[in-house]
């Protein structure tokens, strides 16, 4: 994960709860920190669903509201 030593952690809302993320992190970095496989979740950032291919290029910014929806198999 990219780390910007000049800035402190970024505060976001993740699935309704406050969460801190290292400055300079991408959405892909956030998923990795949470031990989540990108193919197993849908990511909504500020009410916009992100395309899986854009996760690494999408920065996590102060005040972002991120919702993660997990796929669950069964039958």
PDB file of N, CA and C in Angstrom:
ATOM      1  N   UNK A   1       0.852  -1.175   0.000  1.00  0.00           N
ATOM      2  CA  UNK A   1       0.000   0.000   0.000  1.00  0.00           C
ATOM      3  C   UNK A   1       0.893   1.230   0.000  1.00  0.00           C
ATOM      4  N   UNK A   2       0.478   2.217  -0.745  1.00  0.00           N
ATOM      5  CA  UNK A   2       1.204   3.479  -0.762  1.00  0.00           C
ATOM      6  C   UNK A   2       1.007   4.180   0.567  1.00  0.00           C
ATOM      7  N   UNK A   3       2.073   4.747   1.094  1.00  0.00           N
ATOM      8  CA  UNK A   3       1.973   5.450   2.367  1.00  0.00           C
ATOM      9  C   UNK A   3       2.558   6.837   2.185  1.00  0.00           C
ATOM     10  N   UNK A   4       1.824   7.854   2.531  1.00  0.00           N
ATOM     11  CA  UNK A   4       2.279   9.232   2.427  1.00  0.00           C
ATOM     12  C   UNK A   4       2.686   9.691   3.825  1.00  0.00           C
ATOM     13  N   UNK A   5       3.998   9.703   4.130  1.00  0.00           N
ATOM     14  CA  UNK A   5       4.428  10.043   5.483  1.00  0.00           C
ATOM     15  C   UNK A   5       4.103  11.465   5.898  1.00  0.00           C
ATOM     16  N   UNK A   6       3.757  12.339   4.941  1.00  0.00           N
ATOM     17  CA  UNK A   6       3.444  13.719   5.269  1.00  0.00           C
ATOM     18  C   UNK A   6       2.018  13.915   5.738  1.00  0.00           C
ATOM     19  N   UNK A   7       1.204  12.893   5.614  1.00  0.00           N
ATOM     20  CA  UNK A   7      -0.205  13.013   5.989  1.00  0.00           C
ATOM     21  C   UNK A   7      -0.576  11.892   6.941  1.00  0.00           C
ATOM     22  N   UNK A   8      -1.503  12.204   7.818  1.00  0.00           N
ATOM     23  CA  UNK A   8      -1.990  11.201   8.749  1.00  0.00           C
ATOM     24  C   UNK A   8      -3.041  10.336   8.088  1.00  0.00           C
ATOM     25  N   UNK A   9      -3.693   9.486   8.867  1.00  0.00           N
ATOM     26  CA  UNK A   9      -4.716   8.618   8.289  1.00  0.00           C
ATOM     27  C   UNK A   9      -5.905   9.410   7.763  1.00  0.00           C
ATOM     28  N   UNK A  10      -6.591   8.805   6.820  1.00  0.00           N
ATOM     29  CA  UNK A  10      -7.784   9.369   6.209  1.00  0.00           C
ATOM     30  C   UNK A  10      -8.989   8.743   6.905  1.00  0.00           C
ATOM     31  N   UNK A  11      -9.974   9.560   7.253  1.00  0.00           N
ATOM     32  CA  UNK A  11     -11.178   9.071   7.918  1.00  0.00           C
ATOM     33  C   UNK A  11     -12.289   8.885   6.886  1.00  0.00           C
ATOM     34  N   UNK A  12     -12.839   7.663   6.842  1.00  0.00           N
ATOM     35  CA  UNK A  12     -13.940   7.356   5.928  1.00  0.00           C
ATOM     36  C   UNK A  12     -15.074   6.691   6.714  1.00  0.00           C
ATOM     37  N   UNK A  13     -16.188   6.502   6.041  1.00  0.00           N
ATOM     38  CA  UNK A  13     -17.282   5.706   6.597  1.00  0.00           C
ATOM     39  C   UNK A  13     -17.343   4.444   5.756  1.00  0.00           C
ATOM     40  N   UNK A  14     -17.134   3.300   6.409  1.00  0.00           N
ATOM     41  CA  UNK A  14     -17.107   2.011   5.739  1.00  0.00           C
ATOM     42  C   UNK A  14     -18.271   1.167   6.249  1.00  0.00           C
ATOM     43  N   UNK A  15     -19.206   0.882   5.366  1.00  0.00           N
ATOM     44  CA  UNK A  15     -20.417   0.132   5.736  1.00  0.00           C
ATOM     45  C   UNK A  15     -21.076   0.710   6.980  1.00  0.00           C
ATOM     46  N   UNK A  16     -21.139   2.047   7.050  1.00  0.00           N
ATOM     47  CA  UNK A  16     -21.839   2.731   8.124  1.00  0.00           C
ATOM     48  C   UNK A  16     -21.016   3.029   9.366  1.00  0.00           C
ATOM     49  N   UNK A  17     -19.773   2.545   9.433  1.00  0.00           N
ATOM     50  CA  UNK A  17     -18.919   2.763  10.604  1.00  0.00           C
ATOM     51  C   UNK A  17     -17.691   3.579  10.227  1.00  0.00           C
ATOM     52  N   UNK A  18     -17.233   4.422  11.160  1.00  0.00           N
ATOM     53  CA  UNK A  18     -15.999   5.190  10.947  1.00  0.00           C
ATOM     54  C   UNK A  18     -14.830   4.223  10.830  1.00  0.00           C
ATOM     55  N   UNK A  19     -13.920   4.540   9.919  1.00  0.00           N
ATOM     56  CA  UNK A  19     -12.765   3.679   9.669  1.00  0.00           C
ATOM     57  C   UNK A  19     -11.606   4.570   9.231  1.00  0.00           C
ATOM     58  N   UNK A  20     -10.393   4.243   9.647  1.00  0.00           N
ATOM     59  CA  UNK A  20      -9.207   4.997   9.233  1.00  0.00           C
ATOM     60  C   UNK A  20      -8.445   4.198   8.188  1.00  0.00           C
ATOM     61  N   UNK A  21      -7.961   4.915   7.183  1.00  0.00           N
ATOM     62  CA  UNK A  21      -7.191   4.321   6.094  1.00  0.00           C
ATOM     63  C   UNK A  21      -5.924   5.150   5.937  1.00  0.00           C
ATOM     64  N   UNK A  22      -4.840   4.481   5.613  1.00  0.00           N
ATOM     65  CA  UNK A  22      -3.588   5.222   5.407  1.00  0.00           C
ATOM     66  C   UNK A  22      -3.704   6.179   4.220  1.00  0.00           C
ATOM     67  N   UNK A  23      -3.145   7.362   4.384  1.00  0.00           N
ATOM     68  CA  UNK A  23      -3.157   8.358   3.307  1.00  0.00           C
ATOM     69  C   UNK A  23      -2.489   7.762   2.073  1.00  0.00           C
ATOM     70  N   UNK A  24      -3.059   8.033   0.921  1.00  0.00           N
ATOM     71  CA  UNK A  24      -2.502   7.554  -0.337  1.00  0.00           C
ATOM     72  C   UNK A  24      -3.014   6.187  -0.756  1.00  0.00           C
ATOM     73  N   UNK A  25      -3.867   5.573   0.057  1.00  0.00           N
ATOM     74  CA  UNK A  25      -4.377   4.239  -0.254  1.00  0.00           C
ATOM     75  C   UNK A  25      -5.395   4.295  -1.387  1.00  0.00           C
ATOM     76  N   UNK A  26      -5.409   3.225  -2.173  1.00  0.00           N
ATOM     77  CA  UNK A  26      -6.439   3.074  -3.197  1.00  0.00           C
ATOM     78  C   UNK A  26      -7.542   2.174  -2.638  1.00  0.00           C
ATOM     79  N   UNK A  27      -8.626   2.076  -3.371  1.00  0.00           N
ATOM     80  CA  UNK A  27      -9.699   1.176  -2.950  1.00  0.00           C
ATOM     81  C   UNK A  27      -9.183  -0.268  -2.953  1.00  0.00           C
ATOM     82  N   UNK A  28      -8.344  -0.620  -3.917  1.00  0.00           N
ATOM     83  CA  UNK A  28      -7.757  -1.970  -3.939  1.00  0.00           C
ATOM     84  C   UNK A  28      -6.913  -2.209  -2.695  1.00  0.00           C
ATOM     85  N   UNK A  29      -6.169  -1.197  -2.244  1.00  0.00           N
ATOM     86  CA  UNK A  29      -5.379  -1.316  -1.012  1.00  0.00           C
ATOM     87  C   UNK A  29      -6.286  -1.556   0.185  1.00  0.00           C
ATOM     88  N   UNK A  30      -7.393  -0.837   0.237  1.00  0.00           N
ATOM     89  CA  UNK A  30      -8.347  -1.000   1.334  1.00  0.00           C
ATOM     90  C   UNK A  30      -8.868  -2.434   1.371  1.00  0.00           C
ATOM     91  N   UNK A  31      -9.243  -2.968   0.214  1.00  0.00           N
ATOM     92  CA  UNK A  31      -9.737  -4.344   0.166  1.00  0.00           C
ATOM     93  C   UNK A  31      -8.665  -5.323   0.632  1.00  0.00           C
ATOM     94  N   UNK A  32      -7.430  -5.106   0.215  1.00  0.00           N
ATOM     95  CA  UNK A  32      -6.329  -5.983   0.635  1.00  0.00           C
ATOM     96  C   UNK A  32      -6.131  -5.915   2.147  1.00  0.00           C
ATOM     97  N   UNK A  33      -6.192  -4.716   2.712  1.00  0.00           N
ATOM     98  CA  UNK A  33      -6.051  -4.557   4.171  1.00  0.00           C
ATOM     99  C   UNK A  33      -7.164  -5.280   4.924  1.00  0.00           C
ATOM    100  N   UNK A  34      -8.332  -5.387   4.300  1.00  0.00           N
ATOM    101  CA  UNK A  34      -9.468  -6.056   4.920  1.00  0.00           C
ATOM    102  C   UNK A  34      -9.505  -7.551   4.577  1.00  0.00           C
ATOM    103  N   UNK A  35      -8.478  -8.024   3.866  1.00  0.00           N
ATOM    104  CA  UNK A  35      -8.374  -9.430   3.424  1.00  0.00           C
ATOM    105  C   UNK A  35      -9.567  -9.848   2.569  1.00  0.00           C
ATOM    106  N   UNK A  36      -9.995  -8.938   1.695  1.00  0.00           N
ATOM    107  CA  UNK A  36     -11.113  -9.211   0.796  1.00  0.00           C
ATOM    108  C   UNK A  36     -10.614  -9.378  -0.631  1.00  0.00           C
ATOM    109  N   UNK A  37     -11.176 -10.336  -1.327  1.00  0.00           N
ATOM    110  CA  UNK A  37     -10.848 -10.574  -2.730  1.00  0.00           C
ATOM    111  C   UNK A  37     -11.735  -9.659  -3.574  1.00  0.00           C
ATOM    112  N   UNK A  38     -11.140  -8.823  -4.425  1.00  0.00           N
ATOM    113  CA  UNK A  38     -11.947  -7.888  -5.209  1.00  0.00           C
ATOM    114  C   UNK A  38     -13.067  -8.548  -6.010  1.00  0.00           C
ATOM    115  N   UNK A  39     -12.852  -9.766  -6.484  1.00  0.00           N
ATOM    116  CA  UNK A  39     -13.875 -10.451  -7.259  1.00  0.00           C
ATOM    117  C   UNK A  39     -15.055 -10.938  -6.436  1.00  0.00           C
ATOM    118  N   UNK A  40     -14.940 -10.863  -5.117  1.00  0.00           N
ATOM    119  CA  UNK A  40     -16.000 -11.366  -4.241  1.00  0.00           C
ATOM    120  C   UNK A  40     -16.835 -10.254  -3.624  1.00  0.00           C
ATOM    121  N   UNK A  41     -16.555  -8.999  -3.992  1.00  0.00           N
ATOM    122  CA  UNK A  41     -17.315  -7.880  -3.432  1.00  0.00           C
ATOM    123  C   UNK A  41     -17.655  -6.868  -4.524  1.00  0.00           C
ATOM    124  N   UNK A  42     -18.727  -6.148  -4.276  1.00  0.00           N
ATOM    125  CA  UNK A  42     -19.062  -4.984  -5.088  1.00  0.00           C
ATOM    126  C   UNK A  42     -18.742  -3.779  -4.212  1.00  0.00           C
ATOM    127  N   UNK A  43     -18.067  -2.790  -4.795  1.00  0.00           N
ATOM    128  CA  UNK A  43     -17.669  -1.605  -4.038  1.00  0.00           C
ATOM    129  C   UNK A  43     -18.462  -0.404  -4.532  1.00  0.00           C
ATOM    130  N   UNK A  44     -19.103   0.265  -3.581  1.00  0.00           N
ATOM    131  CA  UNK A  44     -19.799   1.509  -3.871  1.00  0.00           C
ATOM    132  C   UNK A  44     -19.058   2.613  -3.131  1.00  0.00           C
ATOM    133  N   UNK A  45     -18.625   3.632  -3.856  1.00  0.00           N
ATOM    134  CA  UNK A  45     -17.913   4.771  -3.265  1.00  0.00           C
ATOM    135  C   UNK A  45     -18.737   6.022  -3.534  1.00  0.00           C
ATOM    136  N   UNK A  46     -19.165   6.644  -2.462  1.00  0.00           N
ATOM    137  CA  UNK A  46     -19.956   7.873  -2.577  1.00  0.00           C
ATOM    138  C   UNK A  46     -21.150   7.694  -3.530  1.00  0.00           C
ATOM    139  N   UNK A  47     -21.855   6.572  -3.328  1.00  0.00           N
ATOM    140  CA  UNK A  47     -23.082   6.237  -4.049  1.00  0.00           C
ATOM    141  C   UNK A  47     -22.859   5.883  -5.513  1.00  0.00           C
ATOM    142  N   UNK A  48     -21.618   5.568  -5.881  1.00  0.00           N
ATOM    143  CA  UNK A  48     -21.311   5.163  -7.249  1.00  0.00           C
ATOM    144  C   UNK A  48     -20.616   3.803  -7.212  1.00  0.00           C
ATOM    145  N   UNK A  49     -21.147   2.846  -7.956  1.00  0.00           N
ATOM    146  CA  UNK A  49     -20.525   1.523  -8.015  1.00  0.00           C
ATOM    147  C   UNK A  49     -19.261   1.623  -8.853  1.00  0.00           C
ATOM    148  N   UNK A  50     -18.178   1.083  -8.313  1.00  0.00           N
ATOM    149  CA  UNK A  50     -16.893   1.130  -9.004  1.00  0.00           C
ATOM    150  C   UNK A  50     -16.707  -0.099  -9.883  1.00  0.00           C
ATOM    151  N   UNK A  51     -16.145   0.123 -11.055  1.00  0.00           N
ATOM    152  CA  UNK A  51     -15.785  -0.964 -11.945  1.00  0.00           C
ATOM    153  C   UNK A  51     -14.558  -1.649 -11.345  1.00  0.00           C
ATOM    154  N   UNK A  52     -14.580  -2.978 -11.309  1.00  0.00           N
ATOM    155  CA  UNK A  52     -13.507  -3.735 -10.670  1.00  0.00           C
ATOM    156  C   UNK A  52     -12.126  -3.325 -11.191  1.00  0.00           C
ATOM    157  N   UNK A  53     -12.007  -3.070 -12.481  1.00  0.00           N
ATOM    158  CA  UNK A  53     -10.719  -2.702 -13.072  1.00  0.00           C
ATOM    159  C   UNK A  53     -10.195  -1.345 -12.626  1.00  0.00           C
ATOM    160  N   UNK A  54     -11.044  -0.542 -11.996  1.00  0.00           N
ATOM    161  CA  UNK A  54     -10.638   0.804 -11.566  1.00  0.00           C
ATOM    162  C   UNK A  54     -10.260   0.878 -10.095  1.00  0.00           C
ATOM    163  N   UNK A  55     -10.349  -0.240  -9.363  1.00  0.00           N
ATOM    164  CA  UNK A  55     -10.125  -0.193  -7.917  1.00  0.00           C
ATOM    165  C   UNK A  55      -8.719   0.284  -7.550  1.00  0.00           C
ATOM    166  N   UNK A  56      -7.710  -0.169  -8.289  1.00  0.00           N
ATOM    167  CA  UNK A  56      -6.326   0.208  -7.974  1.00  0.00           C
ATOM    168  C   UNK A  56      -6.049   1.677  -8.276  1.00  0.00           C
ATOM    169  N   UNK A  57      -6.785   2.239  -9.224  1.00  0.00           N
ATOM    170  CA  UNK A  57      -6.562   3.634  -9.618  1.00  0.00           C
ATOM    171  C   UNK A  57      -7.470   4.615  -8.885  1.00  0.00           C
ATOM    172  N   UNK A  58      -8.379   4.100  -8.044  1.00  0.00           N
ATOM    173  CA  UNK A  58      -9.317   4.965  -7.335  1.00  0.00           C
ATOM    174  C   UNK A  58      -8.810   5.222  -5.924  1.00  0.00           C
ATOM    175  N   UNK A  59      -8.474   6.467  -5.606  1.00  0.00           N
ATOM    176  CA  UNK A  59      -7.962   6.769  -4.269  1.00  0.00           C
ATOM    177  C   UNK A  59      -9.075   6.785  -3.224  1.00  0.00           C
ATOM    178  N   UNK A  60      -8.704   6.440  -2.001  1.00  0.00           N
ATOM    179  CA  UNK A  60      -9.608   6.609  -0.868  1.00  0.00           C
ATOM    180  C   UNK A  60      -9.326   7.999  -0.321  1.00  0.00           C
ATOM    181  N   UNK A  61     -10.358   8.839  -0.248  1.00  0.00           N
ATOM    182  CA  UNK A  61     -10.177  10.223   0.157  1.00  0.00           C
ATOM    183  C   UNK A  61     -10.960  10.529   1.432  1.00  0.00           C
ATOM    184  N   UNK A  62     -10.499  11.520   2.142  1.00  0.00           N
ATOM    185  CA  UNK A  62     -11.138  11.964   3.387  1.00  0.00           C
ATOM    186  C   UNK A  62     -12.633  12.131   3.184  1.00  0.00           C
ATOM    187  N   UNK A  63     -13.421  11.519   4.072  1.00  0.00           N
ATOM    188  CA  UNK A  63     -14.868  11.668   4.034  1.00  0.00           C
ATOM    189  C   UNK A  63     -15.603  10.726   3.104  1.00  0.00           C
ATOM    190  N   UNK A  64     -14.863   9.881   2.355  1.00  0.00           N
ATOM    191  CA  UNK A  64     -15.538   8.935   1.463  1.00  0.00           C
ATOM    192  C   UNK A  64     -16.497   8.059   2.250  1.00  0.00           C
ATOM    193  N   UNK A  65     -17.581   7.693   1.594  1.00  0.00           N
ATOM    194  CA  UNK A  65     -18.545   6.727   2.141  1.00  0.00           C
ATOM    195  C   UNK A  65     -18.451   5.501   1.243  1.00  0.00           C
ATOM    196  N   UNK A  66     -17.945   4.422   1.795  1.00  0.00           N
ATOM    197  CA  UNK A  66     -17.721   3.209   1.024  1.00  0.00           C
ATOM    198  C   UNK A  66     -18.590   2.089   1.591  1.00  0.00           C
ATOM    199  N   UNK A  67     -19.301   1.442   0.685  1.00  0.00           N
ATOM    200  CA  UNK A  67     -20.122   0.286   1.061  1.00  0.00           C
ATOM    201  C   UNK A  67     -19.557  -0.917   0.304  1.00  0.00           C
ATOM    202  N   UNK A  68     -19.375  -2.002   1.039  1.00  0.00           N
ATOM    203  CA  UNK A  68     -18.893  -3.253   0.450  1.00  0.00           C
ATOM    204  C   UNK A  68     -19.999  -4.286   0.551  1.00  0.00           C
ATOM    205  N   UNK A  69     -20.367  -4.864  -0.583  1.00  0.00           N
ATOM    206  CA  UNK A  69     -21.398  -5.890  -0.610  1.00  0.00           C
ATOM    207  C   UNK A  69     -20.712  -7.189  -1.000  1.00  0.00           C
ATOM    208  N   UNK A  70     -20.821  -8.199  -0.131  1.00  0.00           N
ATOM    209  CA  UNK A  70     -20.177  -9.490  -0.345  1.00  0.00           C
ATOM    210  C   UNK A  70     -21.128 -10.436  -1.069  1.00  0.00           C
ATOM    211  N   UNK A  71     -20.578 -11.212  -2.005  1.00  0.00           N
ATOM    212  CA  UNK A  71     -21.357 -12.258  -2.644  1.00  0.00           C
ATOM    213  C   UNK A  71     -21.377 -13.468  -1.731  1.00  0.00           C
ATOM    214  N   UNK A  72     -22.537 -14.064  -1.576  1.00  0.00           N
ATOM    215  CA  UNK A  72     -22.689 -15.251  -0.750  1.00  0.00           C
ATOM    216  C   UNK A  72     -23.332 -16.336  -1.596  1.00  0.00           C
ATOM    217  N   UNK A  73     -22.669 -17.480  -1.655  1.00  0.00           N
ATOM    218  CA  UNK A  73     -23.219 -18.598  -2.416  1.00  0.00           C
ATOM    219  C   UNK A  73     -24.083 -19.471  -1.521  1.00  0.00           C
ATOM    220  N   UNK A  74     -24.873 -20.250  -2.136  1.00  0.00           N
ATOM    221  CA  UNK A  74     -25.715 -21.164  -1.375  1.00  0.00           C
ATOM    222  C   UNK A  74     -26.864 -21.657  -2.218  1.00  0.00           C
ATOM    223  N   UNK A  75     -27.686 -22.432  -1.601  1.00  0.00           N
ATOM    224  CA  UNK A  75     -28.797 -22.924  -2.383  1.00  0.00           C
ATOM    225  C   UNK A  75     -29.726 -23.766  -1.585  1.00  0.00           C
TER     226      UNK A  75
END
